[in-house]
Structure formats: C-alpha cells, structure tokens
Amino acid sequence: MASFTNQATLSYKNITVSSNIVTGEIAEVLSAAKTAVSGSYSAGETLTYAVSLVNSGTVPLTDVTITDDLGGYDFGTTTLVPLTYVDGSVQYFADGVLRPSPAATGGTTLVISGITVPAGGDAVIIYQAAVNEFAPLDAGSEITNTVTVDGTGAPSVTASATVPAANEALLSINKALSPAEVAENEQITYTFLIQNTGNTAESGAVIGDTFTPVLKSITVGIDGAAAQTTDFIYSETTGEFETNTGAFTVPAAQFTQDPVTGAYTVIPGTATVTVTGTI
C-alpha cells in the first residue's frame, strides 16, 4: 500500500500553530510483479518473462496496457536496447484461463495492450525476448527491464526483473588435416582449434579422437609448445587419442563495445592442439 501524511496549521494574531500529523494508506487496486523464468543469459539466448497483475477492486480493470523498456540503457546521447521481442510469443491468462492473445508491438519498447484483469482476480502475461548484440556479456553483467502497467480506473504501477549474464565457458572445436593428400610412410598433422565465446576460462576440456589410419610415432603440441607425455594418452594399436584433464586451458572471450553503434563484438579465447604422426 502507498501511504500519505497530512498536517494542518492554525493562524491567529500573527501566531501559527501546527496540528498533529495524520497518516493514511491508499489500497492499491492494481499491483504488478515481474519474473524472469531464465536464471541467466548468454549471447543469442531467448528469455521468458511473466508479468502477474492482481486486481483487488470490485470491478474489472479494462484496457490495461503493459509497456516493457526491454532493458534499455543510456549510451552517449542514445538509448541501447539489449532485448528484442519475439513476435507472437505473448500468452495471456485471466484467472488461470488462457485467453486470446492481446495486441503486442515490439521495437525500442514492447507494448502489450487490450488486457482485462477480472475484479478480485488476476492476469498473467507471458512473453519472450531474445538477447541481441547490445547486451553486455562480461562476467558480472546483467539486464534489468521494467514494465509500466496502466489501466482504466487504476494508477500506473511498475515492476522489474534482473537477469545476470551466465558465467560460463562456451566451447567449440574445429579439426583440420594437413596435407590433405599424403603417401604411405609420410607425416600428416591434425590440428584441433578450440574456441571459447564464454566469459569464463575452461581448463577441464578433453579432446578425444580415433585416428584412421593409425598414426605412428606421434608428437603433440599445445599452443605452439611441445606437450608433456602426461598431457595425453595414445594407442598405436587402436589409434585412440585423448588429452588429459588440465592439459590445456581455453581463455575466456573478450567483449568489446563499438564506441559508435554500441554493439558488442565477441573475440573468442582459443587453444590449439596439434598431433603429428606417420601414416
């Protein structure tokens, strides 16, 4: 509830006397709460939000509009919006019953209109927004977006939800062969490039492979240096190769924000493992 205070004055013969202060409360007819279903976000991920509206009054609240700022934040003289509304994702429940989807218009804000909150009841509006190129991704970053709810017969109310950036490594691996054509008893080199687009370094990754045909007399390199014999295991009988845990570390990615557009660029952290042997 919102509270208010009031005090009177009494003036006579150039004397002013103050009364006691009285305090009252205004019962909120409309209240709102916002929840992010996802516990964290990564680049390109889709987040789901739920806005819960409660009508404590005795008449329905009609023509209710929800405006979501989609996490907009100041950047120089402009505002960057790190979330993009997913078209067609709105679902609208009134007193637990799924109703026809209300009108929704995305852009720099998301506007959902035409909602009715039953008397003494509730409405829940669920929708999705995608993390775009203006979302910060460094460890410790977060997106806070706020909804403003307006309805006939009720004052505006707001509600916010904050989602932190996921602190994790996001790895991918690419394998290359050189040369692509080789004669028997000649050497070839397999190169494994591991990339990390996450904001946390990873030292527990393991590469596994089975070389066909089997390689003989292999040498292994990690980021340009010769690997230790304790960094990997290999069978010249089966061709099975595997790095040991901790043999290499893939650094966290670096994230740079364009000073003009505000868009973030991801520079992956990388690790390279090479295996050279004779066919």
Protein backbone atom coordinates (compact mmCIF):
# COMPACT_ATOMS: atom_id res chain seq x y z
CA MET A 1 0.00 0.00 0.00
CA ALA A 2 1.03 3.63 -0.57
CA SER A 3 0.96 5.85 2.49
CA PHE A 4 0.36 9.58 2.79
CA THR A 5 0.66 12.19 5.56
CA ASN A 6 -1.12 15.46 6.22
CA GLN A 7 -0.76 18.34 8.68
CA ALA A 8 -2.83 21.49 9.22
CA THR A 9 -1.89 24.92 10.54
CA LEU A 10 -3.92 27.38 12.59
CA SER A 11 -3.10 31.08 12.37
CA TYR A 12 -4.31 33.87 14.65
CA LYS A 13 -2.91 37.21 15.84
CA ASN A 14 0.34 36.61 13.90
CA ILE A 15 0.73 33.25 15.59
CA THR A 16 0.82 29.95 13.67
CA VAL A 17 0.18 26.64 15.36
CA SER A 18 0.68 23.25 13.66
CA SER A 19 -1.65 20.33 14.18
CA ASN A 20 -0.62 16.76 14.69
CA ILE A 21 0.34 14.74 11.60
CA VAL A 22 -2.19 12.21 10.36
CA THR A 23 -1.19 9.20 8.27
CA GLY A 24 -3.34 7.26 5.84
CA GLU A 25 -2.88 4.48 3.33
CA ILE A 26 -4.18 4.03 -0.17
CA ALA A 27 -5.11 0.47 -1.01
CA GLU A 28 -3.66 -0.48 -4.37
CA VAL A 29 -6.36 -1.61 -6.74
CA LEU A 30 -3.79 -2.86 -9.25
CA SER A 31 -0.48 -4.46 -8.32
CA ALA A 32 2.18 -5.97 -10.60
CA ALA A 33 5.09 -8.36 -10.29
CA LYS A 34 7.56 -9.44 -12.96
CA THR A 35 9.56 -12.67 -13.08
CA ALA A 36 12.29 -13.87 -15.42
CA VAL A 37 11.98 -17.62 -15.99
CA SER A 38 15.63 -17.97 -17.02
CA GLY A 39 18.27 -17.72 -14.30
CA SER A 40 20.92 -16.23 -16.59
CA TYR A 41 21.54 -15.26 -20.22
CA SER A 42 24.10 -15.84 -22.97
CA ALA A 43 24.52 -14.28 -26.41
CA GLY A 44 21.58 -15.02 -28.68
CA GLU A 45 19.56 -16.74 -25.96
CA THR A 46 15.79 -16.29 -25.67
CA LEU A 47 14.47 -15.23 -22.26
CA THR A 48 10.94 -15.80 -20.98
CA TYR A 49 9.20 -13.26 -18.76
CA ALA A 50 5.96 -13.42 -16.81
CA VAL A 51 4.07 -10.32 -15.61
CA SER A 52 1.49 -11.01 -12.91
CA LEU A 53 -1.31 -8.48 -12.36
CA VAL A 54 -3.70 -8.55 -9.40
CA ASN A 55 -6.95 -6.55 -9.19
CA SER A 56 -8.08 -6.11 -5.59
CA GLY A 57 -11.04 -3.99 -6.63
CA THR A 58 -14.67 -4.91 -7.11
CA VAL A 59 -14.86 -4.03 -10.81
CA PRO A 60 -12.80 -5.37 -13.73
CA LEU A 61 -9.84 -3.29 -14.91
CA THR A 62 -10.11 -2.87 -18.65
CA ASP A 63 -7.86 -1.52 -21.39
CA VAL A 64 -4.78 -2.40 -19.35
CA THR A 65 -1.51 -1.76 -21.20
CA ILE A 66 1.92 -3.16 -20.35
CA THR A 67 4.98 -1.28 -21.61
CA ASP A 68 8.34 -3.04 -21.27
CA ASP A 69 11.52 -0.99 -21.76
CA LEU A 70 13.35 -4.18 -22.86
CA GLY A 71 16.31 -3.29 -20.68
CA GLY A 72 17.13 -0.03 -22.44
CA TYR A 73 20.18 1.81 -21.09
CA ASP A 74 21.89 5.11 -21.84
CA PHE A 75 24.80 5.08 -24.27
CA GLY A 76 26.11 8.55 -25.03
CA THR A 77 23.18 10.53 -26.37
CA THR A 78 21.12 7.49 -27.33
CA THR A 79 19.46 4.51 -25.69
CA LEU A 80 20.51 0.94 -26.47
CA VAL A 81 18.01 -1.89 -26.09
CA PRO A 82 19.61 -5.30 -25.30
CA LEU A 83 16.43 -7.36 -25.80
CA THR A 84 14.32 -7.96 -28.90
CA TYR A 85 10.70 -9.02 -28.50
CA VAL A 86 9.95 -12.40 -30.10
CA ASP A 87 6.92 -11.82 -32.34
CA GLY A 88 3.88 -13.90 -31.50
CA SER A 89 5.20 -15.12 -28.16
CA VAL A 90 2.62 -13.42 -25.90
CA GLN A 91 0.27 -15.61 -23.87
CA TYR A 92 -2.48 -14.13 -21.69
CA PHE A 93 -4.16 -15.88 -18.78
CA ALA A 94 -7.01 -14.38 -16.74
CA ASP A 95 -7.93 -16.20 -13.52
CA GLY A 96 -5.88 -19.13 -14.80
CA VAL A 97 -7.72 -19.44 -18.12
CA LEU A 98 -5.88 -18.95 -21.40
CA ARG A 99 -7.44 -16.06 -23.32
CA PRO A 100 -6.91 -14.78 -26.88
CA SER A 101 -3.51 -13.13 -27.21
CA PRO A 102 -3.59 -9.34 -26.83
CA ALA A 103 -2.02 -6.95 -29.32
CA ALA A 104 1.76 -6.69 -28.97
CA THR A 105 4.10 -4.29 -30.73
CA GLY A 106 7.87 -4.60 -30.39
CA GLY A 107 10.63 -2.09 -31.09
CA THR A 108 12.65 0.05 -28.69
CA THR A 109 9.89 -0.87 -26.22
CA LEU A 110 7.33 -3.65 -26.10
CA VAL A 111 3.70 -2.54 -25.78
CA ILE A 112 1.03 -5.13 -24.94
CA SER A 113 -2.49 -3.71 -24.93
CA GLY A 114 -6.11 -4.77 -24.55
CA ILE A 115 -5.74 -6.70 -21.27
CA THR A 116 -8.56 -7.09 -18.77
CA VAL A 117 -7.87 -8.01 -15.15
CA PRO A 118 -11.02 -9.50 -13.55
CA ALA A 119 -12.50 -7.97 -10.39
CA GLY A 120 -10.87 -9.59 -7.38
CA GLY A 121 -8.80 -11.68 -9.77
CA ASP A 122 -5.53 -11.82 -11.62
CA ALA A 123 -3.98 -11.90 -15.06
CA VAL A 124 -0.63 -13.33 -16.13
CA ILE A 125 1.06 -12.27 -19.35
CA ILE A 126 3.97 -14.39 -20.60
CA TYR A 127 6.26 -13.38 -23.44
CA GLN A 128 9.77 -13.90 -24.80
CA ALA A 129 12.65 -11.62 -25.73
CA ALA A 130 15.92 -12.50 -27.44
CA VAL A 131 19.32 -11.30 -26.22
CA ASN A 132 20.77 -9.16 -29.01
CA GLU A 133 24.09 -7.52 -29.89
CA PHE A 134 23.60 -4.68 -27.39
CA ALA A 135 23.56 -6.99 -24.37
CA PRO A 136 26.70 -6.90 -22.16
CA LEU A 137 28.30 -10.33 -21.80
CA ASP A 138 31.24 -9.85 -19.42
CA ALA A 139 31.16 -11.65 -16.09
CA GLY A 140 29.08 -9.61 -13.65
CA SER A 141 26.90 -8.05 -16.36
CA GLU A 142 23.12 -8.07 -16.12
CA ILE A 143 19.97 -6.96 -17.89
CA THR A 144 17.23 -5.23 -15.91
CA ASN A 145 13.99 -4.49 -17.72
CA THR A 146 11.00 -2.72 -16.26
CA VAL A 147 7.33 -2.83 -17.15
CA THR A 148 4.90 0.03 -16.61
CA VAL A 149 1.27 -1.03 -16.27
CA ASP A 150 -1.56 1.40 -16.96
CA GLY A 151 -5.25 0.64 -16.71
CA THR A 152 -8.58 2.45 -16.64
CA GLY A 153 -9.54 3.21 -13.06
CA ALA A 154 -6.13 2.44 -11.56
CA PRO A 155 -2.86 4.36 -11.14
CA SER A 156 0.26 3.27 -13.04
CA VAL A 157 2.39 0.60 -11.40
CA THR A 158 5.85 -0.73 -12.29
CA ALA A 159 7.72 -3.99 -11.85
CA SER A 160 11.25 -5.07 -12.80
CA ALA A 161 13.23 -8.25 -13.34
CA THR A 162 17.03 -8.64 -13.42
CA VAL A 163 18.84 -11.46 -15.22
CA PRO A 164 22.63 -11.84 -14.85
CA ALA A 165 24.96 -12.85 -17.65
CA ALA A 166 25.87 -16.53 -17.43
CA ASN A 167 29.37 -17.06 -16.03
CA GLU A 168 30.41 -19.98 -18.17
CA ALA A 169 32.67 -21.23 -20.91
CA LEU A 170 31.08 -21.84 -24.32
CA LEU A 171 33.40 -24.09 -26.33
CA SER A 172 33.51 -25.23 -29.93
CA ILE A 173 36.10 -27.36 -31.75
CA ASN A 174 37.32 -27.41 -35.34
CA LYS A 175 39.56 -30.13 -36.79
CA ALA A 176 41.88 -29.67 -39.77
CA LEU A 177 44.23 -32.02 -41.64
CA SER A 178 47.46 -31.12 -43.40
CA PRO A 179 48.33 -32.16 -46.00
CA ALA A 180 45.01 -33.44 -47.31
CA GLU A 181 46.78 -35.91 -49.62
CA VAL A 182 49.73 -37.95 -48.35
CA ALA A 183 51.68 -41.00 -49.43
CA GLU A 184 52.27 -44.01 -47.21
CA ASN A 185 55.02 -43.60 -44.58
CA GLU A 186 54.75 -39.82 -44.72
CA GLN A 187 53.69 -37.46 -41.97
CA ILE A 188 50.38 -35.70 -41.50
CA THR A 189 49.25 -33.22 -38.88
CA TYR A 190 45.85 -32.96 -37.28
CA THR A 191 45.11 -29.51 -35.82
CA PHE A 192 42.37 -29.00 -33.25
CA LEU A 193 41.26 -25.41 -32.70
CA ILE A 194 39.15 -24.92 -29.59
CA GLN A 195 37.30 -21.60 -29.25
CA ASN A 196 35.64 -20.15 -26.17
CA THR A 197 32.93 -17.50 -26.64
CA GLY A 198 32.00 -17.54 -22.95
CA ASN A 199 33.22 -15.18 -20.23
CA THR A 200 34.98 -17.85 -18.14
CA ALA A 201 38.21 -19.72 -18.93
CA GLU A 202 38.00 -23.53 -19.17
CA SER A 203 40.83 -25.85 -18.13
CA GLY A 204 38.91 -29.12 -17.86
CA ALA A 205 38.17 -29.80 -21.53
CA VAL A 206 39.32 -33.10 -23.05
CA ILE A 207 39.87 -33.86 -26.75
CA GLY A 208 39.15 -37.41 -27.86
CA ASP A 209 39.73 -38.90 -31.32
CA THR A 210 40.48 -42.17 -33.08
CA PHE A 211 42.92 -41.76 -35.95
CA THR A 212 42.15 -43.87 -39.01
CA PRO A 213 44.56 -44.91 -40.38
CA VAL A 214 46.55 -45.27 -37.15
CA LEU A 215 49.39 -42.79 -36.72
CA LYS A 216 52.85 -43.93 -35.68
CA SER A 217 55.48 -42.02 -33.66
CA ILE A 218 53.23 -39.10 -32.86
CA THR A 219 54.29 -35.74 -31.46
CA VAL A 220 51.78 -33.47 -29.76
CA GLY A 221 51.84 -29.70 -29.49
CA ILE A 222 49.74 -27.42 -27.29
CA ASP A 223 49.57 -23.73 -28.22
CA GLY A 224 52.85 -23.98 -30.12
CA ALA A 225 54.83 -25.77 -27.43
CA ALA A 226 55.66 -29.46 -27.15
CA ALA A 227 53.19 -31.32 -24.92
CA GLN A 228 54.36 -33.35 -21.95
CA THR A 229 53.85 -37.10 -22.05
CA THR A 230 51.49 -36.64 -19.09
CA ASP A 231 49.26 -34.38 -21.20
CA PHE A 232 47.79 -37.15 -23.35
CA ILE A 233 47.36 -40.87 -23.87
CA TYR A 234 47.65 -42.67 -27.21
CA SER A 235 47.44 -46.21 -28.51
CA GLU A 236 49.40 -47.08 -31.68
CA THR A 237 47.32 -50.27 -31.79
CA THR A 238 43.86 -48.71 -31.97
CA GLY A 239 44.67 -45.12 -32.94
CA GLU A 240 42.75 -43.82 -29.90
CA PHE A 241 43.97 -40.43 -28.71
CA GLU A 242 42.85 -38.39 -25.71
CA THR A 243 44.20 -35.37 -23.90
CA ASN A 244 44.26 -35.49 -20.13
CA THR A 245 42.24 -33.10 -18.00
CA GLY A 246 44.18 -29.90 -17.47
CA ALA A 247 46.47 -30.39 -20.45
CA PHE A 248 45.35 -27.07 -21.94
CA THR A 249 43.32 -24.02 -20.94
CA VAL A 250 40.95 -22.15 -23.21
CA PRO A 251 40.92 -18.47 -22.15
CA ALA A 252 37.70 -16.53 -21.72
CA ALA A 253 36.49 -14.49 -24.67
CA GLN A 254 36.97 -10.74 -24.82
CA PHE A 255 33.99 -8.47 -25.39
CA THR A 256 34.38 -5.05 -27.00
CA GLN A 257 31.66 -2.46 -27.46
CA ASP A 258 31.70 -0.33 -30.59
CA PRO A 259 32.03 3.30 -29.46
CA VAL A 260 29.68 4.47 -32.22
CA THR A 261 26.97 1.82 -32.58
CA GLY A 262 27.20 0.31 -29.09
CA ALA A 263 27.11 -3.23 -30.50
CA TYR A 264 29.24 -5.83 -28.74
CA THR A 265 31.81 -7.94 -30.60
CA VAL A 266 32.97 -11.29 -29.24
CA ILE A 267 36.65 -12.17 -29.66
CA PRO A 268 36.89 -15.87 -28.74
CA GLY A 269 39.59 -17.21 -26.50
CA THR A 270 41.47 -20.01 -28.27
CA ALA A 271 43.64 -23.04 -27.64
CA THR A 272 45.35 -25.14 -30.32
CA VAL A 273 46.39 -28.78 -30.11
CA THR A 274 48.34 -30.46 -32.90
CA VAL A 275 49.07 -34.14 -33.43
CA THR A 276 51.70 -35.10 -36.00
CA GLY A 277 52.41 -38.70 -36.97
CA THR A 278 53.34 -41.09 -39.75
CA ILE A 279 50.73 -42.93 -41.78
